[in-house]
Amino acid sequence: MAAGEDCYFADLCAITVTPAGSTAQTIALGQDLELTMKSTEIYARGMGGELIQNRAKHSIQVDVKLAFLKFLPTVTTWFPYYIMNSAAGGTLVDTCRCTLFTVTGQIYPMTAANNNVLRTVTNVSFAEFPMKVTYNQWVKVDLSGVGQTLVDTNPA
């Protein structure tokens, strides 16, 4: 390992979700967090050549996947209920407007002297709110969404 490198253990991750116009909620017992920037690339080929002559990207988005086991499902405050209704509450509202969220994940190094990494994704919308209940298993909330921006920082 090169000088200054460190290992990051997923169990040290801190995850928060903030519905637009509401307060941040820390995710307890987060099981999975995946924040991935992706884009669509197109390639220029032609005129008798098969090699790529040039390339461009478009349609950049940030895919967000979040799963957790521990929660307090108070219908007036728990963040997944904002997916159904921008004012929270447990009632699905007939609207075409998406509630937007900010999702952050912070990882910590095994050696306290090294950098934390904080990844923040803004303007995240979740199209679904699944809650899987399986016999002899923990109830798991597993969300997938799409965000607009991604910023990585090294907080103190």
N, C-alpha and C. Protein backbone atom coordinates (compact mmCIF):
# COMPACT_ATOMS: atom_id res chain seq x y z
N MET A 1 0.86 -1.18 0.00
CA MET A 1 0.00 0.00 0.00
C MET A 1 0.90 1.24 0.00
N ALA A 2 0.59 2.18 -0.86
CA ALA A 2 1.36 3.41 -0.95
C ALA A 2 1.13 4.27 0.29
N ALA A 3 2.09 5.12 0.57
CA ALA A 3 1.98 6.00 1.73
C ALA A 3 0.72 6.84 1.65
N GLY A 4 -0.02 6.89 2.73
CA GLY A 4 -1.24 7.69 2.79
C GLY A 4 -2.50 6.97 2.38
N GLU A 5 -2.38 5.81 1.71
CA GLU A 5 -3.58 5.05 1.33
C GLU A 5 -4.17 4.39 2.56
N ASP A 6 -5.46 4.09 2.51
CA ASP A 6 -6.12 3.46 3.64
C ASP A 6 -7.25 2.58 3.12
N CYS A 7 -7.77 1.75 3.99
CA CYS A 7 -8.93 0.92 3.68
C CYS A 7 -10.16 1.57 4.29
N TYR A 8 -11.29 1.41 3.58
CA TYR A 8 -12.55 1.95 4.05
C TYR A 8 -13.52 0.79 4.22
N PHE A 9 -14.10 0.68 5.42
CA PHE A 9 -14.98 -0.44 5.74
C PHE A 9 -16.43 0.05 5.67
N ALA A 10 -17.27 -0.64 4.91
CA ALA A 10 -18.64 -0.18 4.65
C ALA A 10 -19.46 -0.01 5.93
N ASP A 11 -19.19 -0.77 6.96
CA ASP A 11 -19.98 -0.65 8.18
C ASP A 11 -19.76 0.68 8.89
N LEU A 12 -18.77 1.44 8.47
CA LEU A 12 -18.53 2.76 9.05
C LEU A 12 -19.23 3.87 8.27
N CYS A 13 -20.06 3.51 7.31
CA CYS A 13 -20.74 4.49 6.46
C CYS A 13 -21.90 5.16 7.21
N ALA A 14 -22.05 6.46 7.01
CA ALA A 14 -23.19 7.19 7.55
C ALA A 14 -24.03 7.69 6.38
N ILE A 15 -25.33 7.40 6.40
CA ILE A 15 -26.22 7.75 5.29
C ILE A 15 -27.32 8.67 5.81
N THR A 16 -27.56 9.78 5.09
CA THR A 16 -28.69 10.64 5.44
C THR A 16 -29.50 10.92 4.18
N VAL A 17 -30.81 11.13 4.39
CA VAL A 17 -31.73 11.47 3.30
C VAL A 17 -32.52 12.69 3.75
N THR A 18 -32.62 13.69 2.88
CA THR A 18 -33.35 14.91 3.21
C THR A 18 -34.42 15.17 2.16
N PRO A 19 -35.71 15.06 2.53
CA PRO A 19 -36.77 15.46 1.59
C PRO A 19 -36.74 16.97 1.40
N ALA A 20 -37.06 17.44 0.21
CA ALA A 20 -37.10 18.88 -0.06
C ALA A 20 -38.02 19.56 0.94
N GLY A 21 -37.55 20.62 1.59
CA GLY A 21 -38.35 21.37 2.54
C GLY A 21 -38.50 20.71 3.89
N SER A 22 -37.73 19.65 4.17
CA SER A 22 -37.84 18.96 5.44
C SER A 22 -36.45 18.82 6.05
N THR A 23 -36.34 18.07 7.13
CA THR A 23 -35.07 17.91 7.82
C THR A 23 -34.40 16.60 7.45
N ALA A 24 -33.07 16.57 7.59
CA ALA A 24 -32.29 15.38 7.28
C ALA A 24 -32.65 14.24 8.22
N GLN A 25 -32.70 13.02 7.67
CA GLN A 25 -32.97 11.83 8.46
C GLN A 25 -31.82 10.86 8.25
N THR A 26 -31.20 10.44 9.35
CA THR A 26 -30.10 9.49 9.29
C THR A 26 -30.68 8.08 9.14
N ILE A 27 -30.09 7.30 8.25
CA ILE A 27 -30.54 5.93 8.03
C ILE A 27 -29.83 5.02 9.02
N ALA A 28 -30.61 4.32 9.82
CA ALA A 28 -30.05 3.36 10.76
C ALA A 28 -30.02 1.99 10.09
N LEU A 29 -29.00 1.22 10.36
CA LEU A 29 -28.83 -0.11 9.79
C LEU A 29 -28.94 -0.12 8.27
N GLY A 30 -28.25 0.84 7.66
CA GLY A 30 -28.18 0.82 6.21
C GLY A 30 -27.50 -0.45 5.74
N GLN A 31 -28.06 -1.08 4.74
CA GLN A 31 -27.50 -2.33 4.23
C GLN A 31 -26.72 -2.11 2.94
N ASP A 32 -27.20 -1.22 2.11
CA ASP A 32 -26.56 -0.95 0.83
C ASP A 32 -26.75 0.51 0.46
N LEU A 33 -25.72 1.10 -0.10
CA LEU A 33 -25.81 2.44 -0.67
C LEU A 33 -24.93 2.45 -1.90
N GLU A 34 -25.53 2.81 -3.03
CA GLU A 34 -24.78 2.88 -4.28
C GLU A 34 -25.17 4.17 -4.98
N LEU A 35 -24.19 5.05 -5.19
CA LEU A 35 -24.40 6.33 -5.84
C LEU A 35 -23.50 6.36 -7.07
N THR A 36 -24.08 6.21 -8.25
CA THR A 36 -23.30 6.02 -9.47
C THR A 36 -23.63 7.06 -10.52
N MET A 37 -22.62 7.84 -10.94
CA MET A 37 -22.79 8.76 -12.05
C MET A 37 -22.66 7.96 -13.33
N LYS A 38 -23.60 8.19 -14.26
CA LYS A 38 -23.49 7.52 -15.55
C LYS A 38 -23.99 8.45 -16.64
N SER A 39 -23.52 8.17 -17.84
CA SER A 39 -23.95 8.94 -19.00
C SER A 39 -24.07 7.98 -20.18
N THR A 40 -24.72 8.46 -21.20
CA THR A 40 -24.82 7.70 -22.44
C THR A 40 -23.78 8.26 -23.40
N GLU A 41 -22.98 7.37 -23.98
CA GLU A 41 -21.97 7.79 -24.94
C GLU A 41 -22.39 7.39 -26.35
N ILE A 42 -22.09 8.26 -27.30
CA ILE A 42 -22.30 7.92 -28.70
C ILE A 42 -20.96 8.04 -29.41
N TYR A 43 -20.78 7.22 -30.43
CA TYR A 43 -19.50 7.12 -31.12
C TYR A 43 -19.66 7.46 -32.59
N ALA A 44 -18.66 8.15 -33.14
CA ALA A 44 -18.63 8.48 -34.56
C ALA A 44 -17.76 7.47 -35.29
N ARG A 45 -18.36 6.77 -36.24
CA ARG A 45 -17.65 5.81 -37.09
C ARG A 45 -18.15 6.02 -38.52
N GLY A 46 -17.44 5.49 -39.44
CA GLY A 46 -17.98 5.53 -40.80
C GLY A 46 -16.95 5.76 -41.87
N MET A 47 -17.48 5.93 -43.08
CA MET A 47 -16.66 6.16 -44.27
C MET A 47 -15.60 5.09 -44.43
N GLY A 48 -16.03 3.83 -44.27
CA GLY A 48 -15.14 2.71 -44.51
C GLY A 48 -14.28 2.31 -43.33
N GLY A 49 -14.40 3.01 -42.20
CA GLY A 49 -13.59 2.65 -41.03
C GLY A 49 -14.47 2.17 -39.89
N GLU A 50 -14.00 1.15 -39.20
CA GLU A 50 -14.73 0.60 -38.07
C GLU A 50 -14.25 1.16 -36.73
N LEU A 51 -13.10 1.83 -36.72
CA LEU A 51 -12.57 2.39 -35.49
C LEU A 51 -13.35 3.63 -35.06
N ILE A 52 -13.40 3.87 -33.78
CA ILE A 52 -14.08 5.06 -33.25
C ILE A 52 -13.26 6.28 -33.65
N GLN A 53 -13.90 7.23 -34.31
CA GLN A 53 -13.23 8.46 -34.74
C GLN A 53 -13.40 9.58 -33.72
N ASN A 54 -14.51 9.56 -33.02
CA ASN A 54 -14.75 10.55 -31.98
C ASN A 54 -15.88 10.05 -31.10
N ARG A 55 -16.10 10.70 -29.98
CA ARG A 55 -17.15 10.29 -29.07
C ARG A 55 -17.68 11.51 -28.31
N ALA A 56 -18.91 11.38 -27.86
CA ALA A 56 -19.55 12.42 -27.06
C ALA A 56 -20.46 11.74 -26.05
N LYS A 57 -20.77 12.44 -24.96
CA LYS A 57 -21.69 11.88 -23.97
C LYS A 57 -22.86 12.82 -23.77
N HIS A 58 -23.98 12.24 -23.38
CA HIS A 58 -25.18 13.02 -23.11
C HIS A 58 -26.01 12.27 -22.06
N SER A 59 -27.05 12.87 -21.60
CA SER A 59 -27.99 12.26 -20.65
C SER A 59 -27.31 11.79 -19.37
N ILE A 60 -26.55 12.68 -18.74
CA ILE A 60 -25.89 12.35 -17.49
C ILE A 60 -26.92 12.28 -16.36
N GLN A 61 -26.80 11.26 -15.53
CA GLN A 61 -27.66 11.13 -14.36
C GLN A 61 -26.89 10.39 -13.27
N VAL A 62 -27.41 10.43 -12.06
CA VAL A 62 -26.81 9.72 -10.94
C VAL A 62 -27.83 8.69 -10.45
N ASP A 63 -27.49 7.42 -10.58
CA ASP A 63 -28.36 6.36 -10.07
C ASP A 63 -28.14 6.20 -8.57
N VAL A 64 -29.23 6.10 -7.84
CA VAL A 64 -29.19 5.98 -6.38
C VAL A 64 -29.89 4.69 -5.98
N LYS A 65 -29.18 3.85 -5.24
CA LYS A 65 -29.76 2.64 -4.67
C LYS A 65 -29.49 2.66 -3.18
N LEU A 66 -30.53 2.42 -2.40
CA LEU A 66 -30.47 2.55 -0.95
C LEU A 66 -31.32 1.46 -0.32
N ALA A 67 -30.75 0.71 0.61
CA ALA A 67 -31.49 -0.34 1.31
C ALA A 67 -31.18 -0.25 2.81
N PHE A 68 -32.21 -0.46 3.63
CA PHE A 68 -32.00 -0.41 5.07
C PHE A 68 -33.03 -1.27 5.80
N LEU A 69 -32.69 -1.62 7.04
CA LEU A 69 -33.52 -2.53 7.83
C LEU A 69 -34.21 -1.87 9.01
N LYS A 70 -33.62 -0.86 9.59
CA LYS A 70 -34.16 -0.27 10.82
C LYS A 70 -34.82 1.07 10.50
N PHE A 71 -36.06 1.25 10.95
CA PHE A 71 -36.78 2.48 10.63
C PHE A 71 -37.91 2.70 11.62
N LEU A 72 -38.41 3.93 11.64
CA LEU A 72 -39.56 4.32 12.46
C LEU A 72 -40.59 4.87 11.48
N PRO A 73 -41.55 4.04 11.03
CA PRO A 73 -42.45 4.44 9.95
C PRO A 73 -43.62 5.32 10.39
N THR A 74 -43.29 6.46 11.00
CA THR A 74 -44.32 7.43 11.34
C THR A 74 -44.76 8.10 10.04
N VAL A 75 -46.01 7.95 9.66
CA VAL A 75 -46.46 8.36 8.33
C VAL A 75 -46.35 9.87 8.08
N THR A 76 -46.28 10.68 9.12
CA THR A 76 -46.20 12.12 8.91
C THR A 76 -44.77 12.62 8.78
N THR A 77 -43.78 11.79 9.10
CA THR A 77 -42.40 12.28 9.08
C THR A 77 -41.40 11.38 8.38
N TRP A 78 -41.66 10.10 8.22
CA TRP A 78 -40.66 9.19 7.65
C TRP A 78 -40.45 9.49 6.18
N PHE A 79 -39.20 9.63 5.76
CA PHE A 79 -38.91 10.16 4.43
C PHE A 79 -39.51 9.38 3.25
N PRO A 80 -39.63 8.03 3.26
CA PRO A 80 -40.24 7.39 2.07
C PRO A 80 -41.68 7.81 1.81
N TYR A 81 -42.39 8.26 2.85
CA TYR A 81 -43.77 8.70 2.62
C TYR A 81 -43.83 9.98 1.80
N TYR A 82 -42.72 10.72 1.73
CA TYR A 82 -42.68 11.89 0.86
C TYR A 82 -42.70 11.49 -0.62
N ILE A 83 -42.31 10.24 -0.93
CA ILE A 83 -42.37 9.76 -2.31
C ILE A 83 -43.82 9.71 -2.76
N MET A 84 -44.71 9.28 -1.86
CA MET A 84 -46.13 9.15 -2.17
C MET A 84 -46.86 10.49 -2.16
N ASN A 85 -46.35 11.41 -1.33
CA ASN A 85 -47.08 12.64 -1.07
C ASN A 85 -46.06 13.70 -0.63
N SER A 86 -45.92 14.79 -1.36
CA SER A 86 -44.88 15.78 -1.04
C SER A 86 -45.08 16.43 0.32
N ALA A 87 -46.25 16.29 0.92
CA ALA A 87 -46.50 16.82 2.26
C ALA A 87 -46.34 15.72 3.32
N ALA A 88 -45.81 14.57 2.92
CA ALA A 88 -45.70 13.38 3.78
C ALA A 88 -47.09 12.82 4.00
N GLY A 89 -47.24 12.02 5.00
CA GLY A 89 -48.53 11.37 5.21
C GLY A 89 -48.58 10.07 4.43
N GLY A 90 -49.40 9.16 4.87
CA GLY A 90 -49.44 7.83 4.28
C GLY A 90 -50.40 7.66 3.13
N THR A 91 -50.85 8.75 2.54
CA THR A 91 -51.84 8.67 1.47
C THR A 91 -51.20 9.04 0.14
N LEU A 92 -51.38 8.19 -0.86
CA LEU A 92 -50.88 8.46 -2.20
C LEU A 92 -51.66 9.63 -2.79
N VAL A 93 -50.94 10.60 -3.36
CA VAL A 93 -51.57 11.78 -3.96
C VAL A 93 -51.44 11.68 -5.48
N ASP A 94 -52.53 12.01 -6.17
CA ASP A 94 -52.56 11.98 -7.63
C ASP A 94 -51.94 13.26 -8.17
N THR A 95 -50.64 13.20 -8.47
CA THR A 95 -49.93 14.36 -9.00
C THR A 95 -48.80 13.88 -9.89
N CYS A 96 -48.40 14.72 -10.83
CA CYS A 96 -47.27 14.38 -11.69
C CYS A 96 -45.97 14.98 -11.17
N ARG A 97 -46.03 15.70 -10.07
CA ARG A 97 -44.83 16.32 -9.50
C ARG A 97 -44.05 15.32 -8.65
N CYS A 98 -42.74 15.33 -8.82
CA CYS A 98 -41.86 14.45 -8.04
C CYS A 98 -41.35 15.19 -6.82
N THR A 99 -41.33 14.53 -5.69
CA THR A 99 -40.66 15.07 -4.52
C THR A 99 -39.18 14.79 -4.68
N LEU A 100 -38.36 15.81 -4.44
CA LEU A 100 -36.91 15.67 -4.61
C LEU A 100 -36.22 15.53 -3.26
N PHE A 101 -35.16 14.74 -3.24
CA PHE A 101 -34.41 14.44 -2.03
C PHE A 101 -32.94 14.74 -2.24
N THR A 102 -32.22 14.91 -1.14
CA THR A 102 -30.77 14.93 -1.14
C THR A 102 -30.32 13.70 -0.38
N VAL A 103 -29.41 12.92 -0.97
CA VAL A 103 -28.90 11.70 -0.35
C VAL A 103 -27.40 11.86 -0.17
N THR A 104 -26.91 11.62 1.05
CA THR A 104 -25.47 11.68 1.30
C THR A 104 -25.00 10.37 1.92
N GLY A 105 -23.80 9.99 1.56
CA GLY A 105 -23.14 8.83 2.16
C GLY A 105 -21.73 9.22 2.50
N GLN A 106 -21.34 9.00 3.74
CA GLN A 106 -19.98 9.35 4.17
C GLN A 106 -19.28 8.09 4.63
N ILE A 107 -18.08 7.85 4.08
CA ILE A 107 -17.29 6.71 4.52
C ILE A 107 -16.08 7.21 5.30
N TYR A 108 -15.65 6.38 6.23
CA TYR A 108 -14.57 6.73 7.13
C TYR A 108 -13.43 5.73 6.98
N PRO A 109 -12.18 6.21 7.04
CA PRO A 109 -11.04 5.31 6.92
C PRO A 109 -10.82 4.51 8.20
N MET A 110 -10.14 3.39 8.06
CA MET A 110 -9.79 2.58 9.23
C MET A 110 -8.76 3.30 10.09
N THR A 111 -7.92 4.14 9.48
CA THR A 111 -6.93 4.94 10.20
C THR A 111 -7.50 6.34 10.33
N ALA A 112 -7.74 6.76 11.55
CA ALA A 112 -8.45 8.02 11.80
C ALA A 112 -7.77 9.24 11.19
N ALA A 113 -6.46 9.16 10.90
CA ALA A 113 -5.74 10.32 10.38
C ALA A 113 -6.03 10.59 8.90
N ASN A 114 -6.64 9.65 8.20
CA ASN A 114 -6.87 9.81 6.77
C ASN A 114 -8.21 10.47 6.47
N ASN A 115 -8.45 10.77 5.19
CA ASN A 115 -9.62 11.53 4.75
C ASN A 115 -10.92 10.73 4.81
N ASN A 116 -11.97 11.38 5.32
CA ASN A 116 -13.33 10.89 5.11
C ASN A 116 -13.72 11.27 3.69
N VAL A 117 -14.67 10.54 3.12
CA VAL A 117 -15.20 10.90 1.81
C VAL A 117 -16.71 11.05 1.95
N LEU A 118 -17.23 12.21 1.58
CA LEU A 118 -18.66 12.49 1.62
C LEU A 118 -19.14 12.65 0.19
N ARG A 119 -20.10 11.80 -0.21
CA ARG A 119 -20.70 11.89 -1.55
C ARG A 119 -22.12 12.39 -1.37
N THR A 120 -22.46 13.48 -2.06
CA THR A 120 -23.78 14.09 -1.96
C THR A 120 -24.44 14.09 -3.34
N VAL A 121 -25.66 13.57 -3.39
CA VAL A 121 -26.44 13.57 -4.62
C VAL A 121 -27.69 14.41 -4.35
N THR A 122 -27.94 15.38 -5.23
CA THR A 122 -29.10 16.26 -5.04
C THR A 122 -30.15 16.00 -6.12
N ASN A 123 -31.34 16.52 -5.84
CA ASN A 123 -32.49 16.39 -6.74
C ASN A 123 -32.74 14.93 -7.13
N VAL A 124 -32.81 14.08 -6.10
CA VAL A 124 -33.07 12.67 -6.30
C VAL A 124 -34.58 12.44 -6.24
N SER A 125 -35.09 11.70 -7.21
CA SER A 125 -36.50 11.28 -7.16
C SER A 125 -36.54 9.76 -7.13
N PHE A 126 -37.47 9.23 -6.38
CA PHE A 126 -37.68 7.79 -6.29
C PHE A 126 -39.03 7.47 -6.93
N ALA A 127 -39.03 6.59 -7.92
CA ALA A 127 -40.26 6.25 -8.62
C ALA A 127 -41.09 5.22 -7.86
N GLU A 128 -40.47 4.50 -6.93
CA GLU A 128 -41.17 3.44 -6.21
C GLU A 128 -40.87 3.54 -4.72
N PHE A 129 -41.73 2.92 -3.94
CA PHE A 129 -41.52 2.80 -2.49
C PHE A 129 -41.85 1.36 -2.10
N PRO A 130 -40.95 0.41 -2.43
CA PRO A 130 -41.22 -0.99 -2.08
C PRO A 130 -40.81 -1.30 -0.64
N MET A 131 -41.59 -2.11 0.01
CA MET A 131 -41.26 -2.62 1.33
C MET A 131 -41.50 -4.13 1.29
N LYS A 132 -40.42 -4.89 1.26
CA LYS A 132 -40.53 -6.33 1.09
C LYS A 132 -40.64 -7.02 2.45
N VAL A 133 -41.68 -7.85 2.57
CA VAL A 133 -41.91 -8.62 3.79
C VAL A 133 -41.86 -10.10 3.40
N THR A 134 -40.83 -10.79 3.89
CA THR A 134 -40.61 -12.19 3.55
C THR A 134 -40.59 -13.02 4.83
N TYR A 135 -41.24 -14.14 4.81
CA TYR A 135 -41.30 -15.04 5.96
C TYR A 135 -39.89 -15.36 6.49
N ASN A 136 -39.71 -15.26 7.79
CA ASN A 136 -38.45 -15.55 8.49
C ASN A 136 -37.29 -14.62 8.09
N GLN A 137 -37.60 -13.43 7.61
CA GLN A 137 -36.57 -12.47 7.22
C GLN A 137 -36.89 -11.10 7.81
N TRP A 138 -35.88 -10.25 7.92
CA TRP A 138 -36.09 -8.88 8.35
C TRP A 138 -36.83 -8.12 7.26
N VAL A 139 -37.70 -7.19 7.66
CA VAL A 139 -38.37 -6.33 6.68
C VAL A 139 -37.32 -5.34 6.18
N LYS A 140 -37.23 -5.24 4.86
CA LYS A 140 -36.20 -4.41 4.23
C LYS A 140 -36.85 -3.40 3.30
N VAL A 141 -36.41 -2.16 3.40
CA VAL A 141 -36.83 -1.12 2.46
C VAL A 141 -35.70 -0.97 1.45
N ASP A 142 -36.04 -1.06 0.19
CA ASP A 142 -35.05 -1.07 -0.89
C ASP A 142 -35.49 -0.05 -1.94
N LEU A 143 -34.82 1.10 -2.00
CA LEU A 143 -35.23 2.18 -2.88
C LEU A 143 -34.23 2.37 -4.03
N SER A 144 -34.74 2.69 -5.20
CA SER A 144 -33.90 3.05 -6.34
C SER A 144 -34.44 4.35 -6.91
N GLY A 145 -33.54 5.26 -7.23
CA GLY A 145 -33.96 6.53 -7.78
C GLY A 145 -32.91 7.11 -8.72
N VAL A 146 -33.18 8.33 -9.17
CA VAL A 146 -32.28 9.02 -10.09
C VAL A 146 -32.06 10.43 -9.56
N GLY A 147 -30.77 10.84 -9.50
CA GLY A 147 -30.42 12.17 -9.04
C GLY A 147 -29.83 13.00 -10.16
N GLN A 148 -29.70 14.30 -9.89
CA GLN A 148 -29.25 15.23 -10.92
C GLN A 148 -27.77 15.56 -10.77
N THR A 149 -27.28 15.83 -9.56
CA THR A 149 -25.89 16.25 -9.37
C THR A 149 -25.20 15.36 -8.35
N LEU A 150 -23.88 15.27 -8.47
CA LEU A 150 -23.07 14.49 -7.54
C LEU A 150 -21.84 15.31 -7.20
N VAL A 151 -21.54 15.41 -5.88
CA VAL A 151 -20.36 16.14 -5.42
C VAL A 151 -19.67 15.29 -4.37
N ASP A 152 -18.35 15.08 -4.53
CA ASP A 152 -17.54 14.40 -3.51
C ASP A 152 -16.69 15.44 -2.80
N THR A 153 -16.62 15.34 -1.46
CA THR A 153 -15.79 16.24 -0.66
C THR A 153 -15.06 15.44 0.40
N ASN A 154 -14.07 16.07 1.02
CA ASN A 154 -13.34 15.48 2.15
C ASN A 154 -13.58 16.35 3.38
N PRO A 155 -14.71 16.09 4.10
CA PRO A 155 -14.98 16.89 5.31
C PRO A 155 -13.98 16.56 6.41
N ALA A 156 -13.84 17.48 7.32
CA ALA A 156 -12.90 17.28 8.45
C ALA A 156 -13.40 16.23 9.40
